[in-house]
PDB file of N, CA and C in Angstrom:
ATOM      1  N   MET A   1      -4.764  -8.707 -20.027  1.00  0.00           N
ATOM      2  CA  MET A   1      -4.097  -9.619 -19.116  1.00  0.00           C
ATOM      3  C   MET A   1      -2.705  -9.129 -18.737  1.00  0.00           C
ATOM      4  N   ALA A   2      -2.071  -8.351 -19.595  1.00  0.00           N
ATOM      5  CA  ALA A   2      -0.716  -7.887 -19.298  1.00  0.00           C
ATOM      6  C   ALA A   2      -0.695  -7.035 -18.032  1.00  0.00           C
ATOM      7  N   GLU A   3      -1.784  -6.306 -17.787  1.00  0.00           N
ATOM      8  CA  GLU A   3      -1.820  -5.469 -16.589  1.00  0.00           C
ATOM      9  C   GLU A   3      -1.787  -6.311 -15.309  1.00  0.00           C
ATOM     10  N   TRP A   4      -2.231  -7.553 -15.382  1.00  0.00           N
ATOM     11  CA  TRP A   4      -2.301  -8.412 -14.208  1.00  0.00           C
ATOM     12  C   TRP A   4      -0.978  -9.119 -13.926  1.00  0.00           C
ATOM     13  N   ALA A   5      -0.123  -9.228 -14.936  1.00  0.00           N
ATOM     14  CA  ALA A   5       1.131  -9.968 -14.768  1.00  0.00           C
ATOM     15  C   ALA A   5       2.059  -9.241 -13.807  1.00  0.00           C
ATOM     16  N   GLU A   6       2.617  -9.976 -12.893  1.00  0.00           N
ATOM     17  CA  GLU A   6       3.600  -9.461 -11.944  1.00  0.00           C
ATOM     18  C   GLU A   6       3.086  -8.263 -11.148  1.00  0.00           C
ATOM     19  N   ARG A   7       1.846  -8.336 -10.731  1.00  0.00           N
ATOM     20  CA  ARG A   7       1.255  -7.263  -9.918  1.00  0.00           C
ATOM     21  C   ARG A   7       1.076  -7.763  -8.493  1.00  0.00           C
ATOM     22  N   GLU A   8       1.289  -6.888  -7.560  1.00  0.00           N
ATOM     23  CA  GLU A   8       1.118  -7.182  -6.144  1.00  0.00           C
ATOM     24  C   GLU A   8       0.657  -5.890  -5.478  1.00  0.00           C
ATOM     25  N   LEU A   9      -0.656  -5.784  -5.266  1.00  0.00           N
ATOM     26  CA  LEU A   9      -1.267  -4.556  -4.745  1.00  0.00           C
ATOM     27  C   LEU A   9      -2.094  -4.851  -3.504  1.00  0.00           C
ATOM     28  N   TRP A  10      -2.134  -3.886  -2.624  1.00  0.00           N
ATOM     29  CA  TRP A  10      -2.995  -3.954  -1.453  1.00  0.00           C
ATOM     30  C   TRP A  10      -3.643  -2.590  -1.325  1.00  0.00           C
ATOM     31  N   SER A  11      -4.958  -2.566  -1.290  1.00  0.00           N
ATOM     32  CA  SER A  11      -5.692  -1.308  -1.200  1.00  0.00           C
ATOM     33  C   SER A  11      -6.322  -1.186   0.185  1.00  0.00           C
ATOM     34  N   PRO A  12      -5.921  -0.192   0.977  1.00  0.00           N
ATOM     35  CA  PRO A  12      -6.505  -0.029   2.311  1.00  0.00           C
ATOM     36  C   PRO A  12      -8.018   0.197   2.240  1.00  0.00           C
ATOM     37  N   SER A  13      -8.715  -0.373   3.190  1.00  0.00           N
ATOM     38  CA  SER A  13     -10.169  -0.252   3.234  1.00  0.00           C
ATOM     39  C   SER A  13     -10.592   1.069   3.873  1.00  0.00           C
ATOM     40  N   TYR A  14     -11.882   1.345   3.779  1.00  0.00           N
ATOM     41  CA  TYR A  14     -12.470   2.523   4.411  1.00  0.00           C
ATOM     42  C   TYR A  14     -12.874   2.161   5.843  1.00  0.00           C
ATOM     43  N   PRO A  15     -12.841   3.115   6.767  1.00  0.00           N
ATOM     44  CA  PRO A  15     -13.254   2.815   8.144  1.00  0.00           C
ATOM     45  C   PRO A  15     -14.705   2.333   8.191  1.00  0.00           C
ATOM     46  N   ALA A  16     -14.941   1.287   8.953  1.00  0.00           N
ATOM     47  CA  ALA A  16     -16.293   0.734   9.069  1.00  0.00           C
ATOM     48  C   ALA A  16     -17.161   1.664   9.904  1.00  0.00           C
ATOM     49  N   PRO A  17     -18.346   1.970   9.417  1.00  0.00           N
ATOM     50  CA  PRO A  17     -19.255   2.808  10.199  1.00  0.00           C
ATOM     51  C   PRO A  17     -19.821   2.021  11.387  1.00  0.00           C
ATOM     52  N   ALA A  18     -20.173   2.725  12.442  1.00  0.00           N
ATOM     53  CA  ALA A  18     -20.759   2.075  13.616  1.00  0.00           C
ATOM     54  C   ALA A  18     -22.182   1.624  13.310  1.00  0.00           C
ATOM     55  N   GLY A  19     -22.569   0.518  13.891  1.00  0.00           N
ATOM     56  CA  GLY A  19     -23.949   0.075  13.802  1.00  0.00           C
ATOM     57  C   GLY A  19     -24.299  -0.782  12.610  1.00  0.00           C
ATOM     58  N   GLY A  20     -23.351  -1.119  11.780  1.00  0.00           N
ATOM     59  CA  GLY A  20     -23.634  -1.940  10.616  1.00  0.00           C
ATOM     60  C   GLY A  20     -23.258  -3.391  10.842  1.00  0.00           C
ATOM     61  N   SER A  21     -23.191  -4.123   9.771  1.00  0.00           N
ATOM     62  CA  SER A  21     -22.859  -5.541   9.822  1.00  0.00           C
ATOM     63  C   SER A  21     -21.997  -5.896   8.617  1.00  0.00           C
ATOM     64  N   ALA A  22     -21.141  -6.883   8.791  1.00  0.00           N
ATOM     65  CA  ALA A  22     -20.293  -7.339   7.687  1.00  0.00           C
ATOM     66  C   ALA A  22     -20.986  -8.383   6.819  1.00  0.00           C
ATOM     67  N   THR A  23     -22.244  -8.682   7.118  1.00  0.00           N
ATOM     68  CA  THR A  23     -22.976  -9.659   6.317  1.00  0.00           C
ATOM     69  C   THR A  23     -23.018  -9.217   4.859  1.00  0.00           C
ATOM     70  N   GLY A  24     -22.460 -10.009   3.990  1.00  0.00           N
ATOM     71  CA  GLY A  24     -22.475  -9.715   2.559  1.00  0.00           C
ATOM     72  C   GLY A  24     -21.375  -8.795   2.075  1.00  0.00           C
ATOM     73  N   ALA A  25     -20.494  -8.335   2.966  1.00  0.00           N
ATOM     74  CA  ALA A  25     -19.456  -7.384   2.554  1.00  0.00           C
ATOM     75  C   ALA A  25     -18.472  -8.000   1.557  1.00  0.00           C
ATOM     76  N   GLY A  26     -18.124  -9.251   1.749  1.00  0.00           N
ATOM     77  CA  GLY A  26     -17.225  -9.916   0.799  1.00  0.00           C
ATOM     78  C   GLY A  26     -17.867 -10.055  -0.567  1.00  0.00           C
ATOM     79  N   ASP A  27     -19.138 -10.410  -0.585  1.00  0.00           N
ATOM     80  CA  ASP A  27     -19.866 -10.506  -1.853  1.00  0.00           C
ATOM     81  C   ASP A  27     -19.956  -9.142  -2.524  1.00  0.00           C
ATOM     82  N   ALA A  28     -20.194  -8.101  -1.725  1.00  0.00           N
ATOM     83  CA  ALA A  28     -20.270  -6.745  -2.277  1.00  0.00           C
ATOM     84  C   ALA A  28     -18.927  -6.325  -2.860  1.00  0.00           C
ATOM     85  N   ALA A  29     -17.841  -6.665  -2.168  1.00  0.00           N
ATOM     86  CA  ALA A  29     -16.505  -6.330  -2.673  1.00  0.00           C
ATOM     87  C   ALA A  29     -16.253  -7.020  -4.008  1.00  0.00           C
ATOM     88  N   LEU A  30     -16.587  -8.289  -4.084  1.00  0.00           N
ATOM     89  CA  LEU A  30     -16.391  -9.023  -5.337  1.00  0.00           C
ATOM     90  C   LEU A  30     -17.251  -8.436  -6.452  1.00  0.00           C
ATOM     91  N   ALA A  31     -18.490  -8.087  -6.138  1.00  0.00           N
ATOM     92  CA  ALA A  31     -19.364  -7.478  -7.145  1.00  0.00           C
ATOM     93  C   ALA A  31     -18.789  -6.150  -7.630  1.00  0.00           C
ATOM     94  N   GLY A  32     -18.283  -5.336  -6.702  1.00  0.00           N
ATOM     95  CA  GLY A  32     -17.672  -4.066  -7.085  1.00  0.00           C
ATOM     96  C   GLY A  32     -16.439  -4.261  -7.944  1.00  0.00           C
ATOM     97  N   PHE A  33     -15.642  -5.262  -7.607  1.00  0.00           N
ATOM     98  CA  PHE A  33     -14.431  -5.562  -8.371  1.00  0.00           C
ATOM     99  C   PHE A  33     -14.782  -5.989  -9.801  1.00  0.00           C
ATOM    100  N   LEU A  34     -15.699  -6.934  -9.926  1.00  0.00           N
ATOM    101  CA  LEU A  34     -16.081  -7.422 -11.256  1.00  0.00           C
ATOM    102  C   LEU A  34     -16.785  -6.344 -12.078  1.00  0.00           C
ATOM    103  N   ALA A  35     -17.660  -5.567 -11.450  1.00  0.00           N
ATOM    104  CA  ALA A  35     -18.333  -4.480 -12.171  1.00  0.00           C
ATOM    105  C   ALA A  35     -17.317  -3.472 -12.688  1.00  0.00           C
ATOM    106  N   SER A  36     -16.283  -3.215 -11.907  1.00  0.00           N
ATOM    107  CA  SER A  36     -15.227  -2.287 -12.336  1.00  0.00           C
ATOM    108  C   SER A  36     -14.497  -2.806 -13.559  1.00  0.00           C
ATOM    109  N   LEU A  37     -14.153  -4.072 -13.525  1.00  0.00           N
ATOM    110  CA  LEU A  37     -13.443  -4.657 -14.668  1.00  0.00           C
ATOM    111  C   LEU A  37     -14.307  -4.620 -15.923  1.00  0.00           C
ATOM    112  N   LEU A  38     -15.599  -4.912 -15.769  1.00  0.00           N
ATOM    113  CA  LEU A  38     -16.509  -4.875 -16.919  1.00  0.00           C
ATOM    114  C   LEU A  38     -16.660  -3.463 -17.476  1.00  0.00           C
ATOM    115  N   ARG A  39     -16.433  -2.460 -16.636  1.00  0.00           N
ATOM    116  CA  ARG A  39     -16.516  -1.062 -17.073  1.00  0.00           C
ATOM    117  C   ARG A  39     -15.169  -0.520 -17.539  1.00  0.00           C
ATOM    118  N   GLY A  40     -14.159  -1.379 -17.588  1.00  0.00           N
ATOM    119  CA  GLY A  40     -12.871  -0.990 -18.151  1.00  0.00           C
ATOM    120  C   GLY A  40     -11.884  -0.346 -17.199  1.00  0.00           C
ATOM    121  N   HIS A  41     -12.139  -0.417 -15.897  1.00  0.00           N
ATOM    122  CA  HIS A  41     -11.199   0.160 -14.938  1.00  0.00           C
ATOM    123  C   HIS A  41      -9.942  -0.697 -14.831  1.00  0.00           C
ATOM    124  N   SER A  42      -8.869  -0.073 -14.390  1.00  0.00           N
ATOM    125  CA  SER A  42      -7.613  -0.786 -14.168  1.00  0.00           C
ATOM    126  C   SER A  42      -7.751  -1.717 -12.965  1.00  0.00           C
ATOM    127  N   LEU A  43      -6.754  -2.549 -12.766  1.00  0.00           N
ATOM    128  CA  LEU A  43      -6.735  -3.428 -11.605  1.00  0.00           C
ATOM    129  C   LEU A  43      -6.787  -2.610 -10.314  1.00  0.00           C
ATOM    130  N   ALA A  44      -5.968  -1.575 -10.224  1.00  0.00           N
ATOM    131  CA  ALA A  44      -5.963  -0.720  -9.031  1.00  0.00           C
ATOM    132  C   ALA A  44      -7.308  -0.016  -8.855  1.00  0.00           C
ATOM    133  N   GLY A  45      -7.889   0.456  -9.946  1.00  0.00           N
ATOM    134  CA  GLY A  45      -9.197   1.098  -9.878  1.00  0.00           C
ATOM    135  C   GLY A  45     -10.282   0.136  -9.434  1.00  0.00           C
ATOM    136  N   ALA A  46     -10.184  -1.108  -9.878  1.00  0.00           N
ATOM    137  CA  ALA A  46     -11.152  -2.124  -9.468  1.00  0.00           C
ATOM    138  C   ALA A  46     -11.041  -2.410  -7.974  1.00  0.00           C
ATOM    139  N   LEU A  47      -9.817  -2.411  -7.443  1.00  0.00           N
ATOM    140  CA  LEU A  47      -9.640  -2.606  -5.998  1.00  0.00           C
ATOM    141  C   LEU A  47     -10.300  -1.477  -5.213  1.00  0.00           C
ATOM    142  N   ASP A  48     -10.121  -0.250  -5.673  1.00  0.00           N
ATOM    143  CA  ASP A  48     -10.734   0.896  -4.995  1.00  0.00           C
ATOM    144  C   ASP A  48     -12.250   0.803  -5.007  1.00  0.00           C
ATOM    145  N   ARG A  49     -12.823   0.428  -6.123  1.00  0.00           N
ATOM    146  CA  ARG A  49     -14.276   0.335  -6.233  1.00  0.00           C
ATOM    147  C   ARG A  49     -14.817  -0.865  -5.460  1.00  0.00           C
ATOM    148  N   ALA A  50     -14.047  -1.928  -5.375  1.00  0.00           N
ATOM    149  CA  ALA A  50     -14.435  -3.066  -4.538  1.00  0.00           C
ATOM    150  C   ALA A  50     -14.521  -2.632  -3.079  1.00  0.00           C
ATOM    151  N   ASN A  51     -13.521  -1.894  -2.618  1.00  0.00           N
ATOM    152  CA  ASN A  51     -13.538  -1.382  -1.244  1.00  0.00           C
ATOM    153  C   ASN A  51     -14.721  -0.450  -1.016  1.00  0.00           C
ATOM    154  N   ALA A  52     -14.989   0.415  -1.977  1.00  0.00           N
ATOM    155  CA  ALA A  52     -16.087   1.373  -1.839  1.00  0.00           C
ATOM    156  C   ALA A  52     -17.440   0.666  -1.771  1.00  0.00           C
ATOM    157  N   THR A  53     -17.620  -0.361  -2.574  1.00  0.00           N
ATOM    158  CA  THR A  53     -18.883  -1.102  -2.570  1.00  0.00           C
ATOM    159  C   THR A  53     -19.039  -1.889  -1.273  1.00  0.00           C
ATOM    160  N   ALA A  54     -17.962  -2.505  -0.808  1.00  0.00           N
ATOM    161  CA  ALA A  54     -18.017  -3.238   0.462  1.00  0.00           C
ATOM    162  C   ALA A  54     -18.308  -2.288   1.622  1.00  0.00           C
ATOM    163  N   TRP A  55     -17.698  -1.097   1.598  1.00  0.00           N
ATOM    164  CA  TRP A  55     -17.944  -0.124   2.662  1.00  0.00           C
ATOM    165  C   TRP A  55     -19.423   0.256   2.716  1.00  0.00           C
ATOM    166  N   GLN A  56     -20.042   0.459   1.562  1.00  0.00           N
ATOM    167  CA  GLN A  56     -21.468   0.794   1.547  1.00  0.00           C
ATOM    168  C   GLN A  56     -22.275  -0.305   2.227  1.00  0.00           C
ATOM    169  N   ASN A  57     -21.896  -1.557   1.962  1.00  0.00           N
ATOM    170  CA  ASN A  57     -22.599  -2.693   2.541  1.00  0.00           C
ATOM    171  C   ASN A  57     -22.530  -2.684   4.068  1.00  0.00           C
ATOM    172  N   LEU A  58     -21.416  -2.216   4.628  1.00  0.00           N
ATOM    173  CA  LEU A  58     -21.217  -2.233   6.082  1.00  0.00           C
ATOM    174  C   LEU A  58     -22.133  -1.276   6.831  1.00  0.00           C
ATOM    175  N   ARG A  59     -22.835  -0.423   6.126  1.00  0.00           N
ATOM    176  CA  ARG A  59     -23.655   0.593   6.778  1.00  0.00           C
ATOM    177  C   ARG A  59     -25.020   0.089   7.224  1.00  0.00           C
ATOM    178  N   SER A  60     -25.360  -1.146   6.916  1.00  0.00           N
ATOM    179  CA  SER A  60     -26.669  -1.667   7.312  1.00  0.00           C
ATOM    180  C   SER A  60     -26.508  -3.054   7.935  1.00  0.00           C
ATOM    181  N   LEU A  61     -27.567  -3.542   8.529  1.00  0.00           N
ATOM    182  CA  LEU A  61     -27.515  -4.852   9.175  1.00  0.00           C
ATOM    183  C   LEU A  61     -27.758  -6.001   8.210  1.00  0.00           C
ATOM    184  N   ASP A  62     -28.329  -5.711   7.056  1.00  0.00           N
ATOM    185  CA  ASP A  62     -28.566  -6.781   6.086  1.00  0.00           C
ATOM    186  C   ASP A  62     -27.520  -6.716   4.975  1.00  0.00           C
ATOM    187  N   ALA A  63     -27.667  -7.572   3.995  1.00  0.00           N
ATOM    188  CA  ALA A  63     -26.639  -7.705   2.955  1.00  0.00           C
ATOM    189  C   ALA A  63     -26.806  -6.758   1.770  1.00  0.00           C
ATOM    190  N   LEU A  64     -27.891  -6.000   1.694  1.00  0.00           N
ATOM    191  CA  LEU A  64     -28.119  -5.194   0.492  1.00  0.00           C
ATOM    192  C   LEU A  64     -28.478  -3.730   0.711  1.00  0.00           C
ATOM    193  N   SER A  65     -29.226  -3.411   1.730  1.00  0.00           N
ATOM    194  CA  SER A  65     -29.815  -2.069   1.799  1.00  0.00           C
ATOM    195  C   SER A  65     -28.803  -0.943   1.996  1.00  0.00           C
ATOM    196  N   GLY A  66     -27.593  -1.234   2.435  1.00  0.00           N
ATOM    197  CA  GLY A  66     -26.596  -0.182   2.590  1.00  0.00           C
ATOM    198  C   GLY A  66     -25.953   0.247   1.290  1.00  0.00           C
ATOM    199  N   ILE A  67     -26.067  -0.590   0.262  1.00  0.00           N
ATOM    200  CA  ILE A  67     -25.438  -0.283  -1.028  1.00  0.00           C
ATOM    201  C   ILE A  67     -26.356   0.644  -1.808  1.00  0.00           C
ATOM    202  N   GLU A  68     -25.871   1.858  -2.061  1.00  0.00           N
ATOM    203  CA  GLU A  68     -26.699   2.842  -2.760  1.00  0.00           C
ATOM    204  C   GLU A  68     -26.790   2.526  -4.247  1.00  0.00           C
ATOM    205  N   ASN A  69     -25.714   2.758  -4.963  1.00  0.00           N
ATOM    206  CA  ASN A  69     -25.701   2.544  -6.406  1.00  0.00           C
ATOM    207  C   ASN A  69     -24.256   2.622  -6.901  1.00  0.00           C
ATOM    208  N   TRP A  70     -24.070   2.370  -8.181  1.00  0.00           N
ATOM    209  CA  TRP A  70     -22.717   2.374  -8.739  1.00  0.00           C
ATOM    210  C   TRP A  70     -22.091   3.768  -8.699  1.00  0.00           C
ATOM    211  N   ALA A  71     -22.899   4.793  -8.896  1.00  0.00           N
ATOM    212  CA  ALA A  71     -22.375   6.161  -8.875  1.00  0.00           C
ATOM    213  C   ALA A  71     -21.735   6.475  -7.523  1.00  0.00           C
ATOM    214  N   ARG A  72     -22.308   5.967  -6.451  1.00  0.00           N
ATOM    215  CA  ARG A  72     -21.728   6.195  -5.115  1.00  0.00           C
ATOM    216  C   ARG A  72     -20.378   5.488  -4.985  1.00  0.00           C
ATOM    217  N   SER A  73     -20.277   4.274  -5.505  1.00  0.00           N
ATOM    218  CA  SER A  73     -18.993   3.558  -5.473  1.00  0.00           C
ATOM    219  C   SER A  73     -17.946   4.313  -6.276  1.00  0.00           C
ATOM    220  N   GLU A  74     -18.335   4.810  -7.442  1.00  0.00           N
ATOM    221  CA  GLU A  74     -17.416   5.585  -8.283  1.00  0.00           C
ATOM    222  C   GLU A  74     -16.953   6.851  -7.558  1.00  0.00           C
ATOM    223  N   ALA A  75     -17.900   7.550  -6.938  1.00  0.00           N
ATOM    224  CA  ALA A  75     -17.560   8.801  -6.258  1.00  0.00           C
ATOM    225  C   ALA A  75     -16.626   8.556  -5.078  1.00  0.00           C
ATOM    226  N   LEU A  76     -16.925   7.548  -4.287  1.00  0.00           N
ATOM    227  CA  LEU A  76     -16.090   7.257  -3.129  1.00  0.00           C
ATOM    228  C   LEU A  76     -14.693   6.818  -3.557  1.00  0.00           C
ATOM    229  N   ALA A  77     -14.611   5.979  -4.565  1.00  0.00           N
ATOM    230  CA  ALA A  77     -13.309   5.507  -5.046  1.00  0.00           C
ATOM    231  C   ALA A  77     -12.484   6.644  -5.629  1.00  0.00           C
ATOM    232  N   GLY A  78     -13.139   7.623  -6.210  1.00  0.00           N
ATOM    233  CA  GLY A  78     -12.427   8.739  -6.824  1.00  0.00           C
ATOM    234  C   GLY A  78     -12.114   9.881  -5.873  1.00  0.00           C
ATOM    235  N   ASP A  79     -12.610   9.793  -4.651  1.00  0.00           N
ATOM    236  CA  ASP A  79     -12.403  10.859  -3.671  1.00  0.00           C
ATOM    237  C   ASP A  79     -11.082  10.645  -2.938  1.00  0.00           C
ATOM    238  N   CYS A  80     -10.078  11.370  -3.339  1.00  0.00           N
ATOM    239  CA  CYS A  80      -8.744  11.212  -2.739  1.00  0.00           C
ATOM    240  C   CYS A  80      -8.693  11.698  -1.302  1.00  0.00           C
ATOM    241  N   ALA A  81      -9.673  12.469  -0.881  1.00  0.00           N
ATOM    242  CA  ALA A  81      -9.675  12.992   0.479  1.00  0.00           C
ATOM    243  C   ALA A  81     -10.384  12.061   1.459  1.00  0.00           C
ATOM    244  N   SER A  82     -11.079  11.048   0.961  1.00  0.00           N
ATOM    245  CA  SER A  82     -11.816  10.163   1.860  1.00  0.00           C
ATOM    246  C   SER A  82     -10.855   9.362   2.735  1.00  0.00           C
ATOM    247  N   ALA A  83     -11.261   9.178   3.968  1.00  0.00           N
ATOM    248  CA  ALA A  83     -10.414   8.473   4.933  1.00  0.00           C
ATOM    249  C   ALA A  83     -10.263   7.002   4.558  1.00  0.00           C
ATOM    250  N   ARG A  84      -9.093   6.487   4.797  1.00  0.00           N
ATOM    251  CA  ARG A  84      -8.808   5.055   4.634  1.00  0.00           C
ATOM    252  C   ARG A  84      -8.218   4.553   5.945  1.00  0.00           C
ATOM    253  N   ASN A  85      -8.367   3.279   6.196  1.00  0.00           N
ATOM    254  CA  ASN A  85      -7.746   2.698   7.380  1.00  0.00           C
ATOM    255  C   ASN A  85      -6.235   2.724   7.224  1.00  0.00           C
ATOM    256  N   ASP A  86      -5.563   3.107   8.295  1.00  0.00           N
ATOM    257  CA  ASP A  86      -4.104   3.083   8.286  1.00  0.00           C
ATOM    258  C   ASP A  86      -3.645   1.639   8.406  1.00  0.00           C
ATOM    259  N   LEU A  87      -2.778   1.253   7.519  1.00  0.00           N
ATOM    260  CA  LEU A  87      -2.214  -0.092   7.564  1.00  0.00           C
ATOM    261  C   LEU A  87      -0.710   0.005   7.684  1.00  0.00           C
ATOM    262  N   GLU A  88      -0.171  -0.833   8.504  1.00  0.00           N
ATOM    263  CA  GLU A  88       1.276  -0.945   8.511  1.00  0.00           C
ATOM    264  C   GLU A  88       1.658  -1.737   7.273  1.00  0.00           C
ATOM    265  N   SER A  89       2.907  -1.719   6.938  1.00  0.00           N
ATOM    266  CA  SER A  89       3.379  -2.455   5.772  1.00  0.00           C
ATOM    267  C   SER A  89       2.914  -3.907   5.850  1.00  0.00           C
ATOM    268  N   PRO A  90       2.340  -4.434   4.769  1.00  0.00           N
ATOM    269  CA  PRO A  90       1.913  -5.831   4.767  1.00  0.00           C
ATOM    270  C   PRO A  90       3.064  -6.819   4.939  1.00  0.00           C
ATOM    271  N   GLY A  91       4.282  -6.371   4.708  1.00  0.00           N
ATOM    272  CA  GLY A  91       5.427  -7.267   4.851  1.00  0.00           C
ATOM    273  C   GLY A  91       6.693  -6.624   4.336  1.00  0.00           C
ATOM    274  N   PRO A  92       7.800  -7.343   4.422  1.00  0.00           N
ATOM    275  CA  PRO A  92       9.079  -6.811   3.950  1.00  0.00           C
ATOM    276  C   PRO A  92       9.031  -6.464   2.461  1.00  0.00           C
ATOM    277  N   GLY A  93       9.594  -5.333   2.120  1.00  0.00           N
ATOM    278  CA  GLY A  93       9.690  -4.929   0.722  1.00  0.00           C
ATOM    279  C   GLY A  93       8.490  -4.185   0.173  1.00  0.00           C
ATOM    280  N   TRP A  94       7.423  -4.062   0.939  1.00  0.00           N
ATOM    281  CA  TRP A  94       6.249  -3.329   0.482  1.00  0.00           C
ATOM    282  C   TRP A  94       6.487  -1.840   0.675  1.00  0.00           C
ATOM    283  N   ARG A  95       5.932  -1.019  -0.248  1.00  0.00           N
ATOM    284  CA  ARG A  95       6.040   0.429  -0.108  1.00  0.00           C
ATOM    285  C   ARG A  95       4.680   1.050  -0.407  1.00  0.00           C
ATOM    286  N   PHE A  96       4.411   2.156   0.257  1.00  0.00           N
ATOM    287  CA  PHE A  96       3.131   2.835   0.086  1.00  0.00           C
ATOM    288  C   PHE A  96       3.267   3.908  -0.977  1.00  0.00           C
ATOM    289  N   ASP A  97       2.362   3.885  -1.962  1.00  0.00           N
ATOM    290  CA  ASP A  97       2.312   4.912  -3.000  1.00  0.00           C
ATOM    291  C   ASP A  97       1.264   5.934  -2.566  1.00  0.00           C
ATOM    292  N   SER A  98       1.701   7.111  -2.164  1.00  0.00           N
ATOM    293  CA  SER A  98       0.778   8.112  -1.630  1.00  0.00           C
ATOM    294  C   SER A  98      -0.140   8.709  -2.690  1.00  0.00           C
ATOM    295  N   VAL A  99       0.208   8.586  -3.954  1.00  0.00           N
ATOM    296  CA  VAL A  99      -0.654   9.097  -5.021  1.00  0.00           C
ATOM    297  C   VAL A  99      -1.845   8.157  -5.234  1.00  0.00           C
ATOM    298  N   SER A 100      -1.575   6.874  -5.432  1.00  0.00           N
ATOM    299  CA  SER A 100      -2.655   5.909  -5.655  1.00  0.00           C
ATOM    300  C   SER A 100      -3.269   5.421  -4.350  1.00  0.00           C
ATOM    301  N   ARG A 101      -2.566   5.632  -3.244  1.00  0.00           N
ATOM    302  CA  ARG A 101      -2.967   5.152  -1.919  1.00  0.00           C
ATOM    303  C   ARG A 101      -3.063   3.633  -1.868  1.00  0.00           C
ATOM    304  N   HIS A 102      -2.151   2.972  -2.560  1.00  0.00           N
ATOM    305  CA  HIS A 102      -2.050   1.513  -2.534  1.00  0.00           C
ATOM    306  C   HIS A 102      -0.694   1.105  -1.986  1.00  0.00           C
ATOM    307  N   TRP A 103      -0.662  -0.059  -1.383  1.00  0.00           N
ATOM    308  CA  TRP A 103       0.605  -0.677  -1.028  1.00  0.00           C
ATOM    309  C   TRP A 103       1.069  -1.483  -2.229  1.00  0.00           C
ATOM    310  N   LEU A 104       2.323  -1.319  -2.609  1.00  0.00           N
ATOM    311  CA  LEU A 104       2.910  -2.036  -3.739  1.00  0.00           C
ATOM    312  C   LEU A 104       3.894  -3.052  -3.192  1.00  0.00           C
ATOM    313  N   GLY A 105       3.686  -4.305  -3.562  1.00  0.00           N
ATOM    314  CA  GLY A 105       4.519  -5.381  -3.045  1.00  0.00           C
ATOM    315  C   GLY A 105       5.869  -5.466  -3.721  1.00  0.00           C
ATOM    316  N   PRO A 106       6.779  -6.228  -3.128  1.00  0.00           N
ATOM    317  CA  PRO A 106       8.127  -6.348  -3.679  1.00  0.00           C
ATOM    318  C   PRO A 106       8.149  -6.982  -5.069  1.00  0.00           C
ATOM    319  N   ALA A 107       7.128  -7.752  -5.415  1.00  0.00           N
ATOM    320  CA  ALA A 107       7.077  -8.386  -6.734  1.00  0.00           C
ATOM    321  C   ALA A 107       6.293  -7.559  -7.752  1.00  0.00           C
ATOM    322  N   ASN A 108       5.802  -6.391  -7.339  1.00  0.00           N
ATOM    323  CA  ASN A 108       5.025  -5.556  -8.254  1.00  0.00           C
ATOM    324  C   ASN A 108       5.932  -4.946  -9.314  1.00  0.00           C
ATOM    325  N   ARG A 109       5.530  -5.061 -10.562  1.00  0.00           N
ATOM    326  CA  ARG A 109       6.389  -4.628 -11.667  1.00  0.00           C
ATOM    327  C   ARG A 109       6.371  -3.126 -11.912  1.00  0.00           C
ATOM    328  N   SER A 110       5.409  -2.411 -11.370  1.00  0.00           N
ATOM    329  CA  SER A 110       5.359  -0.972 -11.666  1.00  0.00           C
ATOM    330  C   SER A 110       5.398  -0.133 -10.425  1.00  0.00           C
TER     331      SER A 110
END
């Protein structure tokens, strides 16, 4: 729980592929986030894997067939070269950490 205290993170998403649907993407993101936590990943790592799982979902018109497997989410989240959507600062005091590729909020302790 200490890792969650005073944290303020924003993880840019992956570009949506053409021809898919957002049906189930929020559920996929939540599933990726919870699966990451159950596997012992950090909060930031869980955000990356949530994005990766949601991105897989966007590749199909239904809610499940675009999601390959957990190994794909792990690989995409760990690929520092994979494209992310460019985001402007979420607000005053936010800074971008180019190593983790997360936005860190003004209230973030680390």
